[in-house]
Amino acid sequence: MTLDQSPAHSDVLNVYDGFGRIYGSAWGPNIHYGYWENDADDSSVEEATDRLTDLMISGLAAQPGQRVLDIGCGIGYPAQRLVRTSDVDVVGITVSRIQVADATKLAAEAGLADRATFQFGDAMDMPFPDGSFDAAWAFESMWHMPDRGQVISEAARVLRPGGRLAIADVIQRDPITPEGRVVLDHVVEHYGVRSLGTVDEYRKALADNGFVDVEITDITDNVIRTLGLMADAVETVRDKLAELVGEEQAASLLHFMREFGSVPESGYLFLTAVRA
């Protein structure tokens, strides 16, 4: 069985090469959550998504000329911002060949083809030598990984000693109510997610793989409005979504997107760690 045929990777492809492209057409090129300072912050989606990217960039603290790995790179917009802001070289990996092509094309159009490159690759079996990167991030890609611990193990392998890791991830917070379980189960079933991680899981995986100086921050309150705003955006292209998945499924996806943004079990963390 090839990587493309793997059930786990097929689930992710169904999202990002399928209805995820419709989501992206409505939401914009930064296909990730936004960050708002507080409830009174009326920043636009563009400003808020850039602000979350900037938080990740600050967590990496990469130096000019360093080589950074983007684990689950999508179409590469955060990588472009990282290159411009920090003057680094970025290598992105994804299991979507469509995303590789899109990210490569967009980087070329931005004049960054020599600084931001993208390739097909499995985050749980990275095609890189040991110690070949100065820093790495996983920007909302970890919740799609069948084995997050294995991804962290691979990150530890390809990072040089002292290399920094930054992760932004959708997580599950306890306790779980019956109502919350229904919503979480829907997310797992429809969004190429095997399970939602927890803070405790991350702490253990990082410690087990030699990461130190671990800092984990729950930023749920700063990002959670994303779901309602994204649902509003997708409503504007609901006809295209219904064409692809059917009207009943489209209605279900939009309903649960809003629900996921309202249940207390839905969380979001930002973490940084250093490879010892």
C-alpha atoms as a PDB file:
ATOM      1  CA  MET A   1       0.000   0.000   0.000  1.00  0.00           C
ATOM      2  CA  THR A   2       1.380   3.402  -0.981  1.00  0.00           C
ATOM      3  CA  LEU A   3       1.145   6.508   1.140  1.00  0.00           C
ATOM      4  CA  ASP A   4      -1.585   7.858  -1.155  1.00  0.00           C
ATOM      5  CA  GLN A   5      -3.640   4.700  -0.537  1.00  0.00           C
ATOM      6  CA  SER A   6      -3.302   4.700   3.234  1.00  0.00           C
ATOM      7  CA  PRO A   7      -6.745   4.984   4.882  1.00  0.00           C
ATOM      8  CA  ALA A   8      -5.469   7.620   7.308  1.00  0.00           C
ATOM      9  CA  HIS A   9      -4.032   9.782   4.545  1.00  0.00           C
ATOM     10  CA  SER A  10      -7.058   9.237   2.308  1.00  0.00           C
ATOM     11  CA  ASP A  11      -9.257  10.747   5.034  1.00  0.00           C
ATOM     12  CA  VAL A  12      -7.099  13.875   5.101  1.00  0.00           C
ATOM     13  CA  LEU A  13      -7.064  14.111   1.299  1.00  0.00           C
ATOM     14  CA  ASN A  14     -10.864  13.885   1.229  1.00  0.00           C
ATOM     15  CA  VAL A  15     -10.937  17.008   3.389  1.00  0.00           C
ATOM     16  CA  TYR A  16      -8.212  19.177   1.861  1.00  0.00           C
ATOM     17  CA  ASP A  17      -8.508  18.061  -1.748  1.00  0.00           C
ATOM     18  CA  GLY A  18     -12.318  17.959  -1.454  1.00  0.00           C
ATOM     19  CA  PHE A  19     -14.643  20.252   0.471  1.00  0.00           C
ATOM     20  CA  GLY A  20     -11.679  21.941   2.161  1.00  0.00           C
ATOM     21  CA  ARG A  21     -10.940  23.697  -1.131  1.00  0.00           C
ATOM     22  CA  ILE A  22     -14.438  25.164  -1.025  1.00  0.00           C
ATOM     23  CA  TYR A  23     -13.835  26.293   2.555  1.00  0.00           C
ATOM     24  CA  GLY A  24     -10.606  27.916   1.447  1.00  0.00           C
ATOM     25  CA  SER A  25     -12.271  29.755  -1.437  1.00  0.00           C
ATOM     26  CA  ALA A  26     -14.605  31.429   1.059  1.00  0.00           C
ATOM     27  CA  TRP A  27     -12.187  31.929   3.961  1.00  0.00           C
ATOM     28  CA  GLY A  28      -9.016  33.058   2.229  1.00  0.00           C
ATOM     29  CA  PRO A  29      -5.467  31.743   1.749  1.00  0.00           C
ATOM     30  CA  ASN A  30      -4.673  31.467   5.483  1.00  0.00           C
ATOM     31  CA  ILE A  31      -6.672  28.300   6.031  1.00  0.00           C
ATOM     32  CA  HIS A  32      -6.307  28.279   9.790  1.00  0.00           C
ATOM     33  CA  TYR A  33      -7.755  29.852  12.911  1.00  0.00           C
ATOM     34  CA  GLY A  34      -7.420  33.532  13.718  1.00  0.00           C
ATOM     35  CA  TYR A  35      -6.226  35.144  16.953  1.00  0.00           C
ATOM     36  CA  TRP A  36      -8.119  38.008  18.592  1.00  0.00           C
ATOM     37  CA  GLU A  37      -6.721  39.812  21.648  1.00  0.00           C
ATOM     38  CA  ASN A  38     -10.051  39.903  23.491  1.00  0.00           C
ATOM     39  CA  ASP A  39     -13.812  40.012  22.936  1.00  0.00           C
ATOM     40  CA  ALA A  40     -13.652  43.678  21.985  1.00  0.00           C
ATOM     41  CA  ASP A  41     -11.041  43.076  19.266  1.00  0.00           C
ATOM     42  CA  ASP A  42     -12.753  43.733  15.928  1.00  0.00           C
ATOM     43  CA  SER A  43      -9.819  42.733  13.741  1.00  0.00           C
ATOM     44  CA  SER A  44     -10.661  41.268  10.342  1.00  0.00           C
ATOM     45  CA  VAL A  45     -10.166  37.598   9.568  1.00  0.00           C
ATOM     46  CA  GLU A  46      -7.091  38.525   7.516  1.00  0.00           C
ATOM     47  CA  GLU A  47      -5.563  40.423  10.435  1.00  0.00           C
ATOM     48  CA  ALA A  48      -6.440  37.719  12.951  1.00  0.00           C
ATOM     49  CA  THR A  49      -5.065  34.837  10.880  1.00  0.00           C
ATOM     50  CA  ASP A  50      -1.850  36.759  10.262  1.00  0.00           C
ATOM     51  CA  ARG A  51      -1.632  37.428  14.011  1.00  0.00           C
ATOM     52  CA  LEU A  52      -1.788  33.704  14.772  1.00  0.00           C
ATOM     53  CA  THR A  53       0.923  33.090  12.169  1.00  0.00           C
ATOM     54  CA  ASP A  54       3.017  35.783  13.844  1.00  0.00           C
ATOM     55  CA  LEU A  55       2.559  34.049  17.213  1.00  0.00           C
ATOM     56  CA  MET A  56       3.948  30.870  15.685  1.00  0.00           C
ATOM     57  CA  ILE A  57       6.832  32.812  14.127  1.00  0.00           C
ATOM     58  CA  SER A  58       7.692  34.353  17.489  1.00  0.00           C
ATOM     59  CA  GLY A  59       7.617  30.914  19.085  1.00  0.00           C
ATOM     60  CA  LEU A  60      10.147  29.570  16.604  1.00  0.00           C
ATOM     61  CA  ALA A  61      12.504  32.513  17.115  1.00  0.00           C
ATOM     62  CA  ALA A  62      14.300  31.407  13.949  1.00  0.00           C
ATOM     63  CA  GLN A  63      17.435  33.257  12.917  1.00  0.00           C
ATOM     64  CA  PRO A  64      18.275  34.514   9.409  1.00  0.00           C
ATOM     65  CA  GLY A  65      19.658  31.791   7.186  1.00  0.00           C
ATOM     66  CA  GLN A  66      18.278  28.908   9.256  1.00  0.00           C
ATOM     67  CA  ARG A  67      16.404  25.985   7.731  1.00  0.00           C
ATOM     68  CA  VAL A  68      12.861  25.438   8.992  1.00  0.00           C
ATOM     69  CA  LEU A  69      10.562  22.449   8.478  1.00  0.00           C
ATOM     70  CA  ASP A  70       6.830  23.088   7.957  1.00  0.00           C
ATOM     71  CA  ILE A  71       5.043  19.885   9.001  1.00  0.00           C
ATOM     72  CA  GLY A  72       1.736  19.741   7.134  1.00  0.00           C
ATOM     73  CA  CYS A  73       2.311  22.889   5.092  1.00  0.00           C
ATOM     74  CA  GLY A  74      -1.030  23.251   3.321  1.00  0.00           C
ATOM     75  CA  ILE A  75      -0.761  25.759   0.483  1.00  0.00           C
ATOM     76  CA  GLY A  76       2.154  27.474   2.165  1.00  0.00           C
ATOM     77  CA  TYR A  77       0.912  30.938   3.121  1.00  0.00           C
ATOM     78  CA  PRO A  78       2.226  30.810   6.706  1.00  0.00           C
ATOM     79  CA  ALA A  79       5.549  29.554   5.304  1.00  0.00           C
ATOM     80  CA  GLN A  80       5.725  32.578   3.008  1.00  0.00           C
ATOM     81  CA  ARG A  81       5.165  34.925   5.952  1.00  0.00           C
ATOM     82  CA  LEU A  82       7.817  33.086   7.952  1.00  0.00           C
ATOM     83  CA  VAL A  83      10.359  33.459   5.128  1.00  0.00           C
ATOM     84  CA  ARG A  84       9.683  37.178   4.771  1.00  0.00           C
ATOM     85  CA  THR A  85       9.657  37.885   8.514  1.00  0.00           C
ATOM     86  CA  SER A  86      12.636  35.794   9.615  1.00  0.00           C
ATOM     87  CA  ASP A  87      14.735  35.529   6.447  1.00  0.00           C
ATOM     88  CA  VAL A  88      14.882  31.736   6.670  1.00  0.00           C
ATOM     89  CA  ASP A  89      14.556  28.868   4.207  1.00  0.00           C
ATOM     90  CA  VAL A  90      11.435  26.727   4.645  1.00  0.00           C
ATOM     91  CA  VAL A  91      10.775  23.171   3.482  1.00  0.00           C
ATOM     92  CA  GLY A  92       7.140  22.118   3.690  1.00  0.00           C
ATOM     93  CA  ILE A  93       5.700  18.614   3.575  1.00  0.00           C
ATOM     94  CA  THR A  94       2.131  17.455   2.979  1.00  0.00           C
ATOM     95  CA  VAL A  95       0.330  14.282   1.932  1.00  0.00           C
ATOM     96  CA  SER A  96      -1.649  16.244  -0.670  1.00  0.00           C
ATOM     97  CA  ARG A  97      -0.010  16.459  -4.074  1.00  0.00           C
ATOM     98  CA  ILE A  98      -2.517  19.183  -4.961  1.00  0.00           C
ATOM     99  CA  GLN A  99      -1.279  21.242  -2.012  1.00  0.00           C
ATOM    100  CA  VAL A 100       2.334  20.696  -3.074  1.00  0.00           C
ATOM    101  CA  ALA A 101       1.503  22.061  -6.526  1.00  0.00           C
ATOM    102  CA  ASP A 102      -0.525  24.991  -5.167  1.00  0.00           C
ATOM    103  CA  ALA A 103       2.081  25.934  -2.556  1.00  0.00           C
ATOM    104  CA  THR A 104       4.899  25.741  -5.102  1.00  0.00           C
ATOM    105  CA  LYS A 105       2.994  27.905  -7.581  1.00  0.00           C
ATOM    106  CA  LEU A 106       2.047  30.512  -4.959  1.00  0.00           C
ATOM    107  CA  ALA A 107       5.610  30.730  -3.645  1.00  0.00           C
ATOM    108  CA  ALA A 108       6.891  31.279  -7.181  1.00  0.00           C
ATOM    109  CA  GLU A 109       4.309  34.009  -7.777  1.00  0.00           C
ATOM    110  CA  ALA A 110       5.463  35.672  -4.542  1.00  0.00           C
ATOM    111  CA  GLY A 111       9.089  35.557  -5.673  1.00  0.00           C
ATOM    112  CA  LEU A 112       9.990  33.052  -2.932  1.00  0.00           C
ATOM    113  CA  ALA A 113      10.562  29.883  -4.946  1.00  0.00           C
ATOM    114  CA  ASP A 114      14.184  29.688  -3.831  1.00  0.00           C
ATOM    115  CA  ARG A 115      13.350  30.150  -0.124  1.00  0.00           C
ATOM    116  CA  ALA A 116      10.105  28.176   0.303  1.00  0.00           C
ATOM    117  CA  THR A 117       9.914  24.693  -1.227  1.00  0.00           C
ATOM    118  CA  PHE A 118       7.259  22.036  -0.800  1.00  0.00           C
ATOM    119  CA  GLN A 119       7.200  18.292  -1.269  1.00  0.00           C
ATOM    120  CA  PHE A 120       5.092  15.224  -0.765  1.00  0.00           C
ATOM    121  CA  GLY A 121       5.982  13.520   2.506  1.00  0.00           C
ATOM    122  CA  ASP A 122       4.682  11.631   5.523  1.00  0.00           C
ATOM    123  CA  ALA A 123       5.157  13.454   8.843  1.00  0.00           C
ATOM    124  CA  MET A 124       5.380  10.100  10.621  1.00  0.00           C
ATOM    125  CA  ASP A 125       8.234   8.967   8.376  1.00  0.00           C
ATOM    126  CA  MET A 126       9.994  12.116   7.247  1.00  0.00           C
ATOM    127  CA  PRO A 127      12.241  11.927   4.167  1.00  0.00           C
ATOM    128  CA  PHE A 128      15.106  13.875   5.781  1.00  0.00           C
ATOM    129  CA  PRO A 129      18.425  13.000   7.445  1.00  0.00           C
ATOM    130  CA  ASP A 130      18.911  13.322  11.189  1.00  0.00           C
ATOM    131  CA  GLY A 131      19.603  16.818  12.436  1.00  0.00           C
ATOM    132  CA  SER A 132      18.851  18.539   9.140  1.00  0.00           C
ATOM    133  CA  PHE A 133      16.683  21.419  10.414  1.00  0.00           C
ATOM    134  CA  ASP A 134      17.210  24.299  12.836  1.00  0.00           C
ATOM    135  CA  ALA A 135      13.521  24.631  13.694  1.00  0.00           C
ATOM    136  CA  ALA A 136      10.147  23.104  12.865  1.00  0.00           C
ATOM    137  CA  TRP A 137       6.490  23.904  13.241  1.00  0.00           C
ATOM    138  CA  ALA A 138       3.201  22.070  12.864  1.00  0.00           C
ATOM    139  CA  PHE A 139       0.479  24.618  12.223  1.00  0.00           C
ATOM    140  CA  GLU A 140      -2.938  22.973  12.719  1.00  0.00           C
ATOM    141  CA  SER A 141      -1.722  19.761  11.141  1.00  0.00           C
ATOM    142  CA  MET A 142      -1.224  17.587  14.221  1.00  0.00           C
ATOM    143  CA  TRP A 143      -4.910  16.849  14.732  1.00  0.00           C
ATOM    144  CA  HIS A 144      -4.839  15.017  11.388  1.00  0.00           C
ATOM    145  CA  MET A 145      -1.948  12.756  12.397  1.00  0.00           C
ATOM    146  CA  PRO A 146      -2.834   9.143  13.224  1.00  0.00           C
ATOM    147  CA  ASP A 147       0.042   9.073  15.751  1.00  0.00           C
ATOM    148  CA  ARG A 148       1.051  12.477  17.121  1.00  0.00           C
ATOM    149  CA  GLY A 149       3.731  10.896  19.277  1.00  0.00           C
ATOM    150  CA  GLN A 150       5.416   9.469  16.193  1.00  0.00           C
ATOM    151  CA  VAL A 151       5.376  12.873  14.509  1.00  0.00           C
ATOM    152  CA  ILE A 152       7.034  14.427  17.560  1.00  0.00           C
ATOM    153  CA  SER A 153       9.587  11.605  17.529  1.00  0.00           C
ATOM    154  CA  GLU A 154      10.363  12.332  13.885  1.00  0.00           C
ATOM    155  CA  ALA A 155      10.579  16.059  14.616  1.00  0.00           C
ATOM    156  CA  ALA A 156      13.108  15.322  17.348  1.00  0.00           C
ATOM    157  CA  ARG A 157      15.126  13.209  14.908  1.00  0.00           C
ATOM    158  CA  VAL A 158      15.337  15.791  12.119  1.00  0.00           C
ATOM    159  CA  LEU A 159      15.967  18.754  14.433  1.00  0.00           C
ATOM    160  CA  ARG A 160      19.475  19.691  15.460  1.00  0.00           C
ATOM    161  CA  PRO A 161      20.184  19.906  19.211  1.00  0.00           C
ATOM    162  CA  GLY A 162      18.849  23.234  20.401  1.00  0.00           C
ATOM    163  CA  GLY A 163      16.314  23.359  17.568  1.00  0.00           C
ATOM    164  CA  ARG A 164      12.944  24.831  18.427  1.00  0.00           C
ATOM    165  CA  LEU A 165       9.539  23.262  17.779  1.00  0.00           C
ATOM    166  CA  ALA A 166       6.277  25.227  17.672  1.00  0.00           C
ATOM    167  CA  ILE A 167       2.826  23.644  17.454  1.00  0.00           C
ATOM    168  CA  ALA A 168      -0.635  25.153  17.124  1.00  0.00           C
ATOM    169  CA  ASP A 169      -3.324  22.501  17.440  1.00  0.00           C
ATOM    170  CA  VAL A 170      -7.014  21.961  17.967  1.00  0.00           C
ATOM    171  CA  ILE A 171      -7.403  19.879  21.126  1.00  0.00           C
ATOM    172  CA  GLN A 172      -9.941  18.245  23.405  1.00  0.00           C
ATOM    173  CA  ARG A 173     -10.510  19.666  26.848  1.00  0.00           C
ATOM    174  CA  ASP A 174     -12.011  17.789  29.794  1.00  0.00           C
ATOM    175  CA  PRO A 175     -14.485  16.994  31.144  1.00  0.00           C
ATOM    176  CA  ILE A 176     -16.473  15.601  28.226  1.00  0.00           C
ATOM    177  CA  THR A 177     -20.255  15.943  28.341  1.00  0.00           C
ATOM    178  CA  PRO A 178     -22.601  13.742  26.290  1.00  0.00           C
ATOM    179  CA  GLU A 179     -23.461  16.756  24.121  1.00  0.00           C
ATOM    180  CA  GLY A 180     -19.808  17.572  23.639  1.00  0.00           C
ATOM    181  CA  ARG A 181     -19.031  13.984  22.707  1.00  0.00           C
ATOM    182  CA  VAL A 182     -21.545  14.135  19.845  1.00  0.00           C
ATOM    183  CA  VAL A 183     -19.829  17.228  18.456  1.00  0.00           C
ATOM    184  CA  LEU A 184     -16.308  15.845  18.879  1.00  0.00           C
ATOM    185  CA  ASP A 185     -17.297  12.558  17.254  1.00  0.00           C
ATOM    186  CA  HIS A 186     -18.642  14.465  14.249  1.00  0.00           C
ATOM    187  CA  VAL A 187     -15.338  16.308  13.863  1.00  0.00           C
ATOM    188  CA  VAL A 188     -13.387  13.063  14.019  1.00  0.00           C
ATOM    189  CA  GLU A 189     -15.677  11.420  11.473  1.00  0.00           C
ATOM    190  CA  HIS A 190     -15.766  14.192   8.875  1.00  0.00           C
ATOM    191  CA  TYR A 191     -12.539  16.185   9.076  1.00  0.00           C
ATOM    192  CA  GLY A 192      -9.787  13.637   8.586  1.00  0.00           C
ATOM    193  CA  VAL A 193      -9.131  13.503  12.333  1.00  0.00           C
ATOM    194  CA  ARG A 194      -8.323  10.253  14.162  1.00  0.00           C
ATOM    195  CA  SER A 195      -8.593  11.806  17.613  1.00  0.00           C
ATOM    196  CA  LEU A 196      -8.133  15.151  19.325  1.00  0.00           C
ATOM    197  CA  GLY A 197      -5.026  15.545  21.430  1.00  0.00           C
ATOM    198  CA  THR A 198      -4.826  16.832  24.984  1.00  0.00           C
ATOM    199  CA  VAL A 199      -2.361  18.942  26.918  1.00  0.00           C
ATOM    200  CA  ASP A 200      -1.291  15.913  28.966  1.00  0.00           C
ATOM    201  CA  GLU A 201      -0.660  13.875  25.819  1.00  0.00           C
ATOM    202  CA  TYR A 202       1.580  16.593  24.418  1.00  0.00           C
ATOM    203  CA  ARG A 203       3.550  16.992  27.633  1.00  0.00           C
ATOM    204  CA  LYS A 204       4.261  13.268  27.750  1.00  0.00           C
ATOM    205  CA  ALA A 205       5.180  12.955  24.055  1.00  0.00           C
ATOM    206  CA  LEU A 206       7.542  15.921  24.237  1.00  0.00           C
ATOM    207  CA  ALA A 207       9.236  14.633  27.379  1.00  0.00           C
ATOM    208  CA  ASP A 208       9.530  11.105  25.949  1.00  0.00           C
ATOM    209  CA  ASN A 209      11.335  12.481  22.891  1.00  0.00           C
ATOM    210  CA  GLY A 210      13.883  14.662  24.643  1.00  0.00           C
ATOM    211  CA  PHE A 211      12.248  18.069  24.348  1.00  0.00           C
ATOM    212  CA  VAL A 212      12.874  20.560  27.149  1.00  0.00           C
ATOM    213  CA  ASP A 213      11.804  24.107  28.016  1.00  0.00           C
ATOM    214  CA  VAL A 214       8.247  23.139  27.116  1.00  0.00           C
ATOM    215  CA  GLU A 215       5.731  25.969  27.241  1.00  0.00           C
ATOM    216  CA  ILE A 216       2.061  25.191  26.563  1.00  0.00           C
ATOM    217  CA  THR A 217      -0.565  27.933  26.443  1.00  0.00           C
ATOM    218  CA  ASP A 218      -4.311  27.420  26.086  1.00  0.00           C
ATOM    219  CA  ILE A 219      -5.412  30.147  23.660  1.00  0.00           C
ATOM    220  CA  THR A 220      -8.938  28.841  23.094  1.00  0.00           C
ATOM    221  CA  ASP A 221     -10.580  32.100  24.141  1.00  0.00           C
ATOM    222  CA  ASN A 222      -8.494  34.012  21.591  1.00  0.00           C
ATOM    223  CA  VAL A 223      -9.266  31.793  18.597  1.00  0.00           C
ATOM    224  CA  ILE A 224     -12.652  30.158  19.138  1.00  0.00           C
ATOM    225  CA  ARG A 225     -14.690  32.781  17.291  1.00  0.00           C
ATOM    226  CA  THR A 226     -13.023  31.439  14.128  1.00  0.00           C
ATOM    227  CA  LEU A 227     -15.573  28.642  13.809  1.00  0.00           C
ATOM    228  CA  GLY A 228     -18.621  30.907  13.666  1.00  0.00           C
ATOM    229  CA  LEU A 229     -16.933  33.273  11.237  1.00  0.00           C
ATOM    230  CA  MET A 230     -15.821  30.407   9.028  1.00  0.00           C
ATOM    231  CA  ALA A 231     -19.352  28.994   8.999  1.00  0.00           C
ATOM    232  CA  ASP A 232     -20.642  32.419   7.935  1.00  0.00           C
ATOM    233  CA  ALA A 233     -18.064  32.499   5.138  1.00  0.00           C
ATOM    234  CA  VAL A 234     -18.872  28.993   3.932  1.00  0.00           C
ATOM    235  CA  GLU A 235     -22.585  29.843   3.909  1.00  0.00           C
ATOM    236  CA  THR A 236     -21.781  32.196   1.029  1.00  0.00           C
ATOM    237  CA  VAL A 237     -20.647  29.225  -1.089  1.00  0.00           C
ATOM    238  CA  ARG A 238     -23.130  26.726   0.304  1.00  0.00           C
ATOM    239  CA  ASP A 239     -24.375  25.859  -3.196  1.00  0.00           C
ATOM    240  CA  LYS A 240     -20.889  24.691  -4.196  1.00  0.00           C
ATOM    241  CA  LEU A 241     -20.559  22.692  -0.985  1.00  0.00           C
ATOM    242  CA  ALA A 242     -23.959  21.075  -1.564  1.00  0.00           C
ATOM    243  CA  GLU A 243     -22.980  20.190  -5.129  1.00  0.00           C
ATOM    244  CA  LEU A 244     -19.980  18.306  -3.793  1.00  0.00           C
ATOM    245  CA  VAL A 245     -21.376  16.562  -0.698  1.00  0.00           C
ATOM    246  CA  GLY A 246     -25.170  16.910  -0.995  1.00  0.00           C
ATOM    247  CA  GLU A 247     -27.502  19.372   0.726  1.00  0.00           C
ATOM    248  CA  GLU A 248     -28.026  17.257   3.848  1.00  0.00           C
ATOM    249  CA  GLN A 249     -24.303  16.791   4.407  1.00  0.00           C
ATOM    250  CA  ALA A 250     -23.622  20.476   3.714  1.00  0.00           C
ATOM    251  CA  ALA A 251     -26.193  21.473   6.330  1.00  0.00           C
ATOM    252  CA  SER A 252     -24.649  19.022   8.811  1.00  0.00           C
ATOM    253  CA  LEU A 253     -21.103  20.297   8.239  1.00  0.00           C
ATOM    254  CA  LEU A 254     -22.164  23.908   8.786  1.00  0.00           C
ATOM    255  CA  HIS A 255     -24.225  23.059  11.860  1.00  0.00           C
ATOM    256  CA  PHE A 256     -21.442  21.149  13.555  1.00  0.00           C
ATOM    257  CA  MET A 257     -18.861  23.782  12.636  1.00  0.00           C
ATOM    258  CA  ARG A 258     -20.874  26.269  14.692  1.00  0.00           C
ATOM    259  CA  GLU A 259     -21.409  23.734  17.461  1.00  0.00           C
ATOM    260  CA  PHE A 260     -17.693  22.959  17.665  1.00  0.00           C
ATOM    261  CA  GLY A 261     -17.062  26.619  18.350  1.00  0.00           C
ATOM    262  CA  SER A 262     -19.495  26.660  21.262  1.00  0.00           C
ATOM    263  CA  VAL A 263     -18.860  23.479  23.260  1.00  0.00           C
ATOM    264  CA  PRO A 264     -16.359  23.831  26.131  1.00  0.00           C
ATOM    265  CA  GLU A 265     -14.649  20.589  25.115  1.00  0.00           C
ATOM    266  CA  SER A 266     -13.276  22.317  22.002  1.00  0.00           C
ATOM    267  CA  GLY A 267      -9.850  23.775  22.769  1.00  0.00           C
ATOM    268  CA  TYR A 268      -6.747  25.135  21.114  1.00  0.00           C
ATOM    269  CA  LEU A 269      -3.160  25.204  22.281  1.00  0.00           C
ATOM    270  CA  PHE A 270       0.054  26.918  21.304  1.00  0.00           C
ATOM    271  CA  LEU A 271       3.267  25.275  22.434  1.00  0.00           C
ATOM    272  CA  THR A 272       6.984  25.670  22.050  1.00  0.00           C
ATOM    273  CA  ALA A 273       9.774  23.297  23.017  1.00  0.00           C
ATOM    274  CA  VAL A 274      13.499  22.868  22.500  1.00  0.00           C
ATOM    275  CA  ARG A 275      15.267  19.737  21.226  1.00  0.00           C
ATOM    276  CA  ALA A 276      17.787  18.854  23.945  1.00  0.00           C
END
